[in-house]
Amino acid sequence: MPKVTRRTFTPKELIKLLFYKKVCPQCDGQLKKKYYDVSLEKDKLKISGLTYHDADLYQRTYYFHCGDCNLDVKISDLKKRPLRVEMEQ
């Protein structure tokens, strides 16, 4: 059976996922994107007008993990990237 995953983001979460820096708020280490899947119930097999009869349907949720301090960070907790302005002297 094929595995079908559904991902949902709010516009704010999508902007944070694409443009915010992926640095740990505790130790300033590099964050790595991870995800987990949750199996959906049988009554939710219709996605965007398509019906999946013989497929395993999962809701995929993304988060970030710091390997240095083992902290998990939600997308909503990412910090904004500082604007870099280089001045010529």
PDB file of N, CA and C in Angstrom:
ATOM      1  N   MET A   1       0.823  -1.191   0.000  1.00  0.00           N
ATOM      2  CA  MET A   1       0.000   0.000   0.000  1.00  0.00           C
ATOM      3  C   MET A   1       0.867   1.255   0.000  1.00  0.00           C
ATOM      4  N   PRO A   2       0.552   2.224  -0.822  1.00  0.00           N
ATOM      5  CA  PRO A   2       1.348   3.455  -0.829  1.00  0.00           C
ATOM      6  C   PRO A   2       1.096   4.294   0.417  1.00  0.00           C
ATOM      7  N   LYS A   3       2.084   5.068   0.772  1.00  0.00           N
ATOM      8  CA  LYS A   3       1.989   5.953   1.936  1.00  0.00           C
ATOM      9  C   LYS A   3       1.780   7.381   1.439  1.00  0.00           C
ATOM     10  N   VAL A   4       0.676   8.003   1.836  1.00  0.00           N
ATOM     11  CA  VAL A   4       0.350   9.361   1.431  1.00  0.00           C
ATOM     12  C   VAL A   4       0.528  10.260   2.643  1.00  0.00           C
ATOM     13  N   THR A   5       1.318  11.331   2.506  1.00  0.00           N
ATOM     14  CA  THR A   5       1.519  12.260   3.621  1.00  0.00           C
ATOM     15  C   THR A   5       0.898  13.602   3.300  1.00  0.00           C
ATOM     16  N   ARG A   6       0.318  14.202   4.325  1.00  0.00           N
ATOM     17  CA  ARG A   6      -0.298  15.519   4.191  1.00  0.00           C
ATOM     18  C   ARG A   6       0.457  16.488   5.096  1.00  0.00           C
ATOM     19  N   ARG A   7       0.838  17.637   4.531  1.00  0.00           N
ATOM     20  CA  ARG A   7       1.550  18.662   5.290  1.00  0.00           C
ATOM     21  C   ARG A   7       0.707  19.926   5.258  1.00  0.00           C
ATOM     22  N   THR A   8       0.533  20.540   6.410  1.00  0.00           N
ATOM     23  CA  THR A   8      -0.226  21.790   6.460  1.00  0.00           C
ATOM     24  C   THR A   8       0.595  22.825   7.215  1.00  0.00           C
ATOM     25  N   PHE A   9       0.684  24.008   6.630  1.00  0.00           N
ATOM     26  CA  PHE A   9       1.390  25.125   7.244  1.00  0.00           C
ATOM     27  C   PHE A   9       0.495  26.350   7.198  1.00  0.00           C
ATOM     28  N   THR A  10       0.582  27.174   8.219  1.00  0.00           N
ATOM     29  CA  THR A  10      -0.034  28.484   8.138  1.00  0.00           C
ATOM     30  C   THR A  10       0.918  29.358   7.323  1.00  0.00           C
ATOM     31  N   PRO A  11       0.452  30.472   6.774  1.00  0.00           N
ATOM     32  CA  PRO A  11       1.383  31.342   6.030  1.00  0.00           C
ATOM     33  C   PRO A  11       2.564  31.798   6.887  1.00  0.00           C
ATOM     34  N   LYS A  12       2.324  32.070   8.171  1.00  0.00           N
ATOM     35  CA  LYS A  12       3.411  32.482   9.066  1.00  0.00           C
ATOM     36  C   LYS A  12       4.440  31.375   9.251  1.00  0.00           C
ATOM     37  N   GLU A  13       3.960  30.134   9.410  1.00  0.00           N
ATOM     38  CA  GLU A  13       4.872  29.006   9.581  1.00  0.00           C
ATOM     39  C   GLU A  13       5.691  28.762   8.321  1.00  0.00           C
ATOM     40  N   LEU A  14       5.087  28.914   7.168  1.00  0.00           N
ATOM     41  CA  LEU A  14       5.814  28.718   5.914  1.00  0.00           C
ATOM     42  C   LEU A  14       6.917  29.757   5.745  1.00  0.00           C
ATOM     43  N   ILE A  15       6.630  31.008   6.090  1.00  0.00           N
ATOM     44  CA  ILE A  15       7.648  32.062   6.018  1.00  0.00           C
ATOM     45  C   ILE A  15       8.786  31.762   6.990  1.00  0.00           C
ATOM     46  N   LYS A  16       8.443  31.326   8.213  1.00  0.00           N
ATOM     47  CA  LYS A  16       9.486  30.986   9.183  1.00  0.00           C
ATOM     48  C   LYS A  16      10.306  29.793   8.719  1.00  0.00           C
ATOM     49  N   LEU A  17       9.657  28.809   8.118  1.00  0.00           N
ATOM     50  CA  LEU A  17      10.360  27.623   7.634  1.00  0.00           C
ATOM     51  C   LEU A  17      11.348  27.972   6.528  1.00  0.00           C
ATOM     52  N   LEU A  18      10.979  28.914   5.672  1.00  0.00           N
ATOM     53  CA  LEU A  18      11.834  29.263   4.539  1.00  0.00           C
ATOM     54  C   LEU A  18      12.890  30.315   4.852  1.00  0.00           C
ATOM     55  N   PHE A  19      12.544  31.334   5.652  1.00  0.00           N
ATOM     56  CA  PHE A  19      13.407  32.501   5.764  1.00  0.00           C
ATOM     57  C   PHE A  19      14.041  32.734   7.134  1.00  0.00           C
ATOM     58  N   TYR A  20      13.581  32.085   8.183  1.00  0.00           N
ATOM     59  CA  TYR A  20      14.160  32.328   9.501  1.00  0.00           C
ATOM     60  C   TYR A  20      15.383  31.457   9.704  1.00  0.00           C
ATOM     61  N   LYS A  21      16.299  31.914  10.564  1.00  0.00           N
ATOM     62  CA  LYS A  21      17.530  31.164  10.768  1.00  0.00           C
ATOM     63  C   LYS A  21      17.260  29.921  11.606  1.00  0.00           C
ATOM     64  N   LYS A  22      18.019  28.881  11.326  1.00  0.00           N
ATOM     65  CA  LYS A  22      17.863  27.608  12.021  1.00  0.00           C
ATOM     66  C   LYS A  22      18.989  27.449  13.029  1.00  0.00           C
ATOM     67  N   VAL A  23      18.950  28.263  14.103  1.00  0.00           N
ATOM     68  CA  VAL A  23      19.970  28.254  15.146  1.00  0.00           C
ATOM     69  C   VAL A  23      19.277  27.998  16.480  1.00  0.00           C
ATOM     70  N   CYS A  24      19.867  27.153  17.305  1.00  0.00           N
ATOM     71  CA  CYS A  24      19.291  26.788  18.593  1.00  0.00           C
ATOM     72  C   CYS A  24      19.206  28.019  19.504  1.00  0.00           C
ATOM     73  N   PRO A  25      18.051  28.266  20.122  1.00  0.00           N
ATOM     74  CA  PRO A  25      17.921  29.424  21.010  1.00  0.00           C
ATOM     75  C   PRO A  25      18.700  29.272  22.315  1.00  0.00           C
ATOM     76  N   GLN A  26      19.080  28.041  22.700  1.00  0.00           N
ATOM     77  CA  GLN A  26      19.822  27.830  23.943  1.00  0.00           C
ATOM     78  C   GLN A  26      21.327  27.886  23.765  1.00  0.00           C
ATOM     79  N   CYS A  27      21.850  27.152  22.759  1.00  0.00           N
ATOM     80  CA  CYS A  27      23.310  27.014  22.661  1.00  0.00           C
ATOM     81  C   CYS A  27      23.882  27.566  21.351  1.00  0.00           C
ATOM     82  N   ASP A  28      23.066  28.165  20.490  1.00  0.00           N
ATOM     83  CA  ASP A  28      23.473  28.694  19.186  1.00  0.00           C
ATOM     84  C   ASP A  28      24.035  27.625  18.250  1.00  0.00           C
ATOM     85  N   GLY A  29      23.676  26.361  18.489  1.00  0.00           N
ATOM     86  CA  GLY A  29      24.083  25.275  17.597  1.00  0.00           C
ATOM     87  C   GLY A  29      23.190  25.228  16.376  1.00  0.00           C
ATOM     88  N   GLN A  30      23.614  24.466  15.375  1.00  0.00           N
ATOM     89  CA  GLN A  30      22.860  24.330  14.130  1.00  0.00           C
ATOM     90  C   GLN A  30      21.682  23.374  14.344  1.00  0.00           C
ATOM     91  N   LEU A  31      20.498  23.773  13.889  1.00  0.00           N
ATOM     92  CA  LEU A  31      19.306  22.938  13.992  1.00  0.00           C
ATOM     93  C   LEU A  31      19.143  22.107  12.726  1.00  0.00           C
ATOM     94  N   LYS A  32      18.652  20.893  12.886  1.00  0.00           N
ATOM     95  CA  LYS A  32      18.407  19.993  11.763  1.00  0.00           C
ATOM     96  C   LYS A  32      16.903  19.743  11.663  1.00  0.00           C
ATOM     97  N   LYS A  33      16.358  19.825  10.441  1.00  0.00           N
ATOM     98  CA  LYS A  33      14.919  19.635  10.248  1.00  0.00           C
ATOM     99  C   LYS A  33      14.566  18.158  10.358  1.00  0.00           C
ATOM    100  N   LYS A  34      13.544  17.862  11.163  1.00  0.00           N
ATOM    101  CA  LYS A  34      13.059  16.497  11.340  1.00  0.00           C
ATOM    102  C   LYS A  34      11.542  16.524  11.246  1.00  0.00           C
ATOM    103  N   TYR A  35      10.931  15.372  11.230  1.00  0.00           N
ATOM    104  CA  TYR A  35       9.479  15.296  11.179  1.00  0.00           C
ATOM    105  C   TYR A  35       9.002  14.018  11.848  1.00  0.00           C
ATOM    106  N   TYR A  36       7.707  14.004  12.163  1.00  0.00           N
ATOM    107  CA  TYR A  36       7.061  12.779  12.608  1.00  0.00           C
ATOM    108  C   TYR A  36       5.718  12.680  11.906  1.00  0.00           C
ATOM    109  N   ASP A  37       5.273  11.439  11.694  1.00  0.00           N
ATOM    110  CA  ASP A  37       4.015  11.183  11.005  1.00  0.00           C
ATOM    111  C   ASP A  37       3.003  10.611  11.993  1.00  0.00           C
ATOM    112  N   VAL A  38       1.758  11.073  11.856  1.00  0.00           N
ATOM    113  CA  VAL A  38       0.653  10.564  12.660  1.00  0.00           C
ATOM    114  C   VAL A  38      -0.369   9.984  11.699  1.00  0.00           C
ATOM    115  N   SER A  39      -0.776   8.749  11.945  1.00  0.00           N
ATOM    116  CA  SER A  39      -1.756   8.097  11.082  1.00  0.00           C
ATOM    117  C   SER A  39      -3.116   8.768  11.245  1.00  0.00           C
ATOM    118  N   LEU A  40      -3.779   9.038  10.125  1.00  0.00           N
ATOM    119  CA  LEU A  40      -5.091   9.683  10.157  1.00  0.00           C
ATOM    120  C   LEU A  40      -6.197   8.640  10.131  1.00  0.00           C
ATOM    121  N   GLU A  41      -7.362   9.053  10.598  1.00  0.00           N
ATOM    122  CA  GLU A  41      -8.504   8.152  10.660  1.00  0.00           C
ATOM    123  C   GLU A  41      -9.049   7.888   9.266  1.00  0.00           C
ATOM    124  N   LYS A  42      -9.854   6.857   9.146  1.00  0.00           N
ATOM    125  CA  LYS A  42     -10.389   6.445   7.852  1.00  0.00           C
ATOM    126  C   LYS A  42     -11.336   7.478   7.253  1.00  0.00           C
ATOM    127  N   ASP A  43     -11.997   8.308   8.079  1.00  0.00           N
ATOM    128  CA  ASP A  43     -12.934   9.281   7.529  1.00  0.00           C
ATOM    129  C   ASP A  43     -12.223  10.503   6.948  1.00  0.00           C
ATOM    130  N   LYS A  44     -10.895  10.585   7.067  1.00  0.00           N
ATOM    131  CA  LYS A  44     -10.135  11.717   6.535  1.00  0.00           C
ATOM    132  C   LYS A  44      -9.313  11.317   5.314  1.00  0.00           C
ATOM    133  N   LEU A  45      -9.803  10.390   4.537  1.00  0.00           N
ATOM    134  CA  LEU A  45      -9.052   9.917   3.382  1.00  0.00           C
ATOM    135  C   LEU A  45      -9.255  10.769   2.139  1.00  0.00           C
ATOM    136  N   LYS A  46     -10.019  11.842   2.228  1.00  0.00           N
ATOM    137  CA  LYS A  46     -10.237  12.712   1.082  1.00  0.00           C
ATOM    138  C   LYS A  46      -9.400  13.974   1.255  1.00  0.00           C
ATOM    139  N   ILE A  47      -8.440  14.202   0.336  1.00  0.00           N
ATOM    140  CA  ILE A  47      -7.545  15.350   0.410  1.00  0.00           C
ATOM    141  C   ILE A  47      -7.627  16.100  -0.910  1.00  0.00           C
ATOM    142  N   SER A  48      -7.948  17.360  -0.844  1.00  0.00           N
ATOM    143  CA  SER A  48      -7.990  18.242  -2.019  1.00  0.00           C
ATOM    144  C   SER A  48      -8.818  17.647  -3.156  1.00  0.00           C
ATOM    145  N   GLY A  49      -9.935  17.049  -2.815  1.00  0.00           N
ATOM    146  CA  GLY A  49     -10.812  16.496  -3.830  1.00  0.00           C
ATOM    147  C   GLY A  49     -10.432  15.106  -4.302  1.00  0.00           C
ATOM    148  N   LEU A  50      -9.279  14.591  -3.888  1.00  0.00           N
ATOM    149  CA  LEU A  50      -8.847  13.251  -4.262  1.00  0.00           C
ATOM    150  C   LEU A  50      -9.171  12.281  -3.134  1.00  0.00           C
ATOM    151  N   THR A  51      -9.675  11.114  -3.473  1.00  0.00           N
ATOM    152  CA  THR A  51     -10.010  10.109  -2.470  1.00  0.00           C
ATOM    153  C   THR A  51      -9.016   8.963  -2.573  1.00  0.00           C
ATOM    154  N   TYR A  52      -8.438   8.577  -1.443  1.00  0.00           N
ATOM    155  CA  TYR A  52      -7.467   7.491  -1.383  1.00  0.00           C
ATOM    156  C   TYR A  52      -8.133   6.305  -0.690  1.00  0.00           C
ATOM    157  N   HIS A  53      -8.387   5.234  -1.440  1.00  0.00           N
ATOM    158  CA  HIS A  53      -9.088   4.081  -0.882  1.00  0.00           C
ATOM    159  C   HIS A  53      -8.115   3.063  -0.297  1.00  0.00           C
ATOM    160  N   ASP A  54      -7.054   2.777  -0.991  1.00  0.00           N
ATOM    161  CA  ASP A  54      -6.130   1.741  -0.524  1.00  0.00           C
ATOM    162  C   ASP A  54      -4.732   2.321  -0.298  1.00  0.00           C
ATOM    163  N   ALA A  55      -4.665   3.363   0.493  1.00  0.00           N
ATOM    164  CA  ALA A  55      -3.384   3.999   0.822  1.00  0.00           C
ATOM    165  C   ALA A  55      -3.354   4.314   2.314  1.00  0.00           C
ATOM    166  N   ASP A  56      -2.159   4.310   2.870  1.00  0.00           N
ATOM    167  CA  ASP A  56      -1.979   4.714   4.264  1.00  0.00           C
ATOM    168  C   ASP A  56      -1.808   6.224   4.287  1.00  0.00           C
ATOM    169  N   LEU A  57      -2.654   6.912   5.034  1.00  0.00           N
ATOM    170  CA  LEU A  57      -2.650   8.370   5.064  1.00  0.00           C
ATOM    171  C   LEU A  57      -2.063   8.863   6.386  1.00  0.00           C
ATOM    172  N   TYR A  58      -1.101   9.794   6.301  1.00  0.00           N
ATOM    173  CA  TYR A  58      -0.421  10.316   7.477  1.00  0.00           C
ATOM    174  C   TYR A  58      -0.386  11.835   7.439  1.00  0.00           C
ATOM    175  N   GLN A  59      -0.443  12.457   8.615  1.00  0.00           N
ATOM    176  CA  GLN A  59      -0.242  13.896   8.767  1.00  0.00           C
ATOM    177  C   GLN A  59       1.209  14.093   9.181  1.00  0.00           C
ATOM    178  N   ARG A  60       1.996  14.840   8.398  1.00  0.00           N
ATOM    179  CA  ARG A  60       3.414  15.059   8.685  1.00  0.00           C
ATOM    180  C   ARG A  60       3.588  16.404   9.381  1.00  0.00           C
ATOM    181  N   THR A  61       4.299  16.390  10.505  1.00  0.00           N
ATOM    182  CA  THR A  61       4.570  17.595  11.276  1.00  0.00           C
ATOM    183  C   THR A  61       6.081  17.773  11.367  1.00  0.00           C
ATOM    184  N   TYR A  62       6.551  18.975  11.020  1.00  0.00           N
ATOM    185  CA  TYR A  62       7.983  19.264  11.038  1.00  0.00           C
ATOM    186  C   TYR A  62       8.381  19.972  12.328  1.00  0.00           C
ATOM    187  N   TYR A  63       9.606  19.727  12.761  1.00  0.00           N
ATOM    188  CA  TYR A  63      10.221  20.427  13.880  1.00  0.00           C
ATOM    189  C   TYR A  63      11.724  20.439  13.647  1.00  0.00           C
ATOM    190  N   PHE A  64      12.450  21.151  14.476  1.00  0.00           N
ATOM    191  CA  PHE A  64      13.906  21.227  14.352  1.00  0.00           C
ATOM    192  C   PHE A  64      14.542  20.675  15.621  1.00  0.00           C
ATOM    193  N   HIS A  65      15.682  19.996  15.456  1.00  0.00           N
ATOM    194  CA  HIS A  65      16.371  19.350  16.572  1.00  0.00           C
ATOM    195  C   HIS A  65      17.817  19.827  16.630  1.00  0.00           C
ATOM    196  N   CYS A  66      18.261  20.197  17.835  1.00  0.00           N
ATOM    197  CA  CYS A  66      19.660  20.592  18.066  1.00  0.00           C
ATOM    198  C   CYS A  66      20.429  19.362  18.537  1.00  0.00           C
ATOM    199  N   GLY A  67      21.460  18.994  17.813  1.00  0.00           N
ATOM    200  CA  GLY A  67      22.273  17.847  18.186  1.00  0.00           C
ATOM    201  C   GLY A  67      23.185  18.120  19.370  1.00  0.00           C
ATOM    202  N   ASP A  68      23.486  19.389  19.637  1.00  0.00           N
ATOM    203  CA  ASP A  68      24.395  19.732  20.730  1.00  0.00           C
ATOM    204  C   ASP A  68      23.724  19.609  22.097  1.00  0.00           C
ATOM    205  N   CYS A  69      22.524  20.192  22.239  1.00  0.00           N
ATOM    206  CA  CYS A  69      21.850  20.184  23.549  1.00  0.00           C
ATOM    207  C   CYS A  69      20.556  19.367  23.551  1.00  0.00           C
ATOM    208  N   ASN A  70      20.267  18.640  22.469  1.00  0.00           N
ATOM    209  CA  ASN A  70      19.082  17.776  22.343  1.00  0.00           C
ATOM    210  C   ASN A  70      17.770  18.519  22.582  1.00  0.00           C
ATOM    211  N   LEU A  71      17.680  19.734  22.097  1.00  0.00           N
ATOM    212  CA  LEU A  71      16.464  20.530  22.231  1.00  0.00           C
ATOM    213  C   LEU A  71      15.648  20.411  20.948  1.00  0.00           C
ATOM    214  N   ASP A  72      14.337  20.211  21.093  1.00  0.00           N
ATOM    215  CA  ASP A  72      13.436  20.213  19.949  1.00  0.00           C
ATOM    216  C   ASP A  72      12.753  21.573  19.880  1.00  0.00           C
ATOM    217  N   VAL A  73      12.739  22.171  18.678  1.00  0.00           N
ATOM    218  CA  VAL A  73      12.216  23.526  18.484  1.00  0.00           C
ATOM    219  C   VAL A  73      11.097  23.472  17.451  1.00  0.00           C
ATOM    220  N   LYS A  74       9.937  24.041  17.794  1.00  0.00           N
ATOM    221  CA  LYS A  74       8.832  24.118  16.849  1.00  0.00           C
ATOM    222  C   LYS A  74       9.124  25.201  15.817  1.00  0.00           C
ATOM    223  N   ILE A  75       8.448  25.123  14.675  1.00  0.00           N
ATOM    224  CA  ILE A  75       8.633  26.130  13.628  1.00  0.00           C
ATOM    225  C   ILE A  75       8.271  27.509  14.156  1.00  0.00           C
ATOM    226  N   SER A  76       7.245  27.586  14.992  1.00  0.00           N
ATOM    227  CA  SER A  76       6.799  28.884  15.512  1.00  0.00           C
ATOM    228  C   SER A  76       7.814  29.518  16.466  1.00  0.00           C
ATOM    229  N   ASP A  77       8.790  28.745  16.972  1.00  0.00           N
ATOM    230  CA  ASP A  77       9.789  29.272  17.902  1.00  0.00           C
ATOM    231  C   ASP A  77      11.092  29.697  17.234  1.00  0.00           C
ATOM    232  N   LEU A  78      11.163  29.621  15.900  1.00  0.00           N
ATOM    233  CA  LEU A  78      12.383  30.045  15.211  1.00  0.00           C
ATOM    234  C   LEU A  78      12.542  31.557  15.311  1.00  0.00           C
ATOM    235  N   LYS A  79      13.798  32.002  15.376  1.00  0.00           N
ATOM    236  CA  LYS A  79      14.078  33.439  15.484  1.00  0.00           C
ATOM    237  C   LYS A  79      14.291  34.032  14.107  1.00  0.00           C
ATOM    238  N   LYS A  80      14.006  35.320  14.000  1.00  0.00           N
ATOM    239  CA  LYS A  80      14.163  36.026  12.731  1.00  0.00           C
ATOM    240  C   LYS A  80      15.636  36.212  12.410  1.00  0.00           C
ATOM    241  N   ARG A  81      15.974  36.096  11.137  1.00  0.00           N
ATOM    242  CA  ARG A  81      17.346  36.294  10.675  1.00  0.00           C
ATOM    243  C   ARG A  81      17.735  37.757  10.794  1.00  0.00           C
ATOM    244  N   PRO A  82      18.891  38.075  11.352  1.00  0.00           N
ATOM    245  CA  PRO A  82      19.320  39.478  11.378  1.00  0.00           C
ATOM    246  C   PRO A  82      19.697  39.943   9.973  1.00  0.00           C
ATOM    247  N   LEU A  83      19.394  41.163   9.689  1.00  0.00           N
ATOM    248  CA  LEU A  83      19.709  41.746   8.391  1.00  0.00           C
ATOM    249  C   LEU A  83      21.196  42.097   8.364  1.00  0.00           C
ATOM    250  N   ARG A  84      21.893  41.618   7.342  1.00  0.00           N
ATOM    251  CA  ARG A  84      23.323  41.887   7.216  1.00  0.00           C
ATOM    252  C   ARG A  84      23.531  43.052   6.270  1.00  0.00           C
ATOM    253  N   VAL A  85      24.165  44.057   6.748  1.00  0.00           N
ATOM    254  CA  VAL A  85      24.494  45.216   5.925  1.00  0.00           C
ATOM    255  C   VAL A  85      25.989  45.409   5.999  1.00  0.00           C
ATOM    256  N   GLU A  86      26.648  45.312   4.859  1.00  0.00           N
ATOM    257  CA  GLU A  86      28.092  45.501   4.839  1.00  0.00           C
ATOM    258  C   GLU A  86      28.393  46.895   4.320  1.00  0.00           C
ATOM    259  N   MET A  87      29.177  47.605   5.068  1.00  0.00           N
ATOM    260  CA  MET A  87      29.541  48.986   4.712  1.00  0.00           C
ATOM    261  C   MET A  87      30.945  48.992   4.126  1.00  0.00           C
ATOM    262  N   GLU A  88      31.129  49.723   3.056  1.00  0.00           N
ATOM    263  CA  GLU A  88      32.453  49.885   2.493  1.00  0.00           C
ATOM    264  C   GLU A  88      33.170  51.038   3.196  1.00  0.00           C
ATOM    265  N   GLN A  89      34.450  50.829   3.468  1.00  0.00           N
ATOM    266  CA  GLN A  89      35.224  51.877   4.141  1.00  0.00           C
ATOM    267  C   GLN A  89      36.350  52.337   3.276  1.00  0.00           C
TER     268      GLN A  89
END
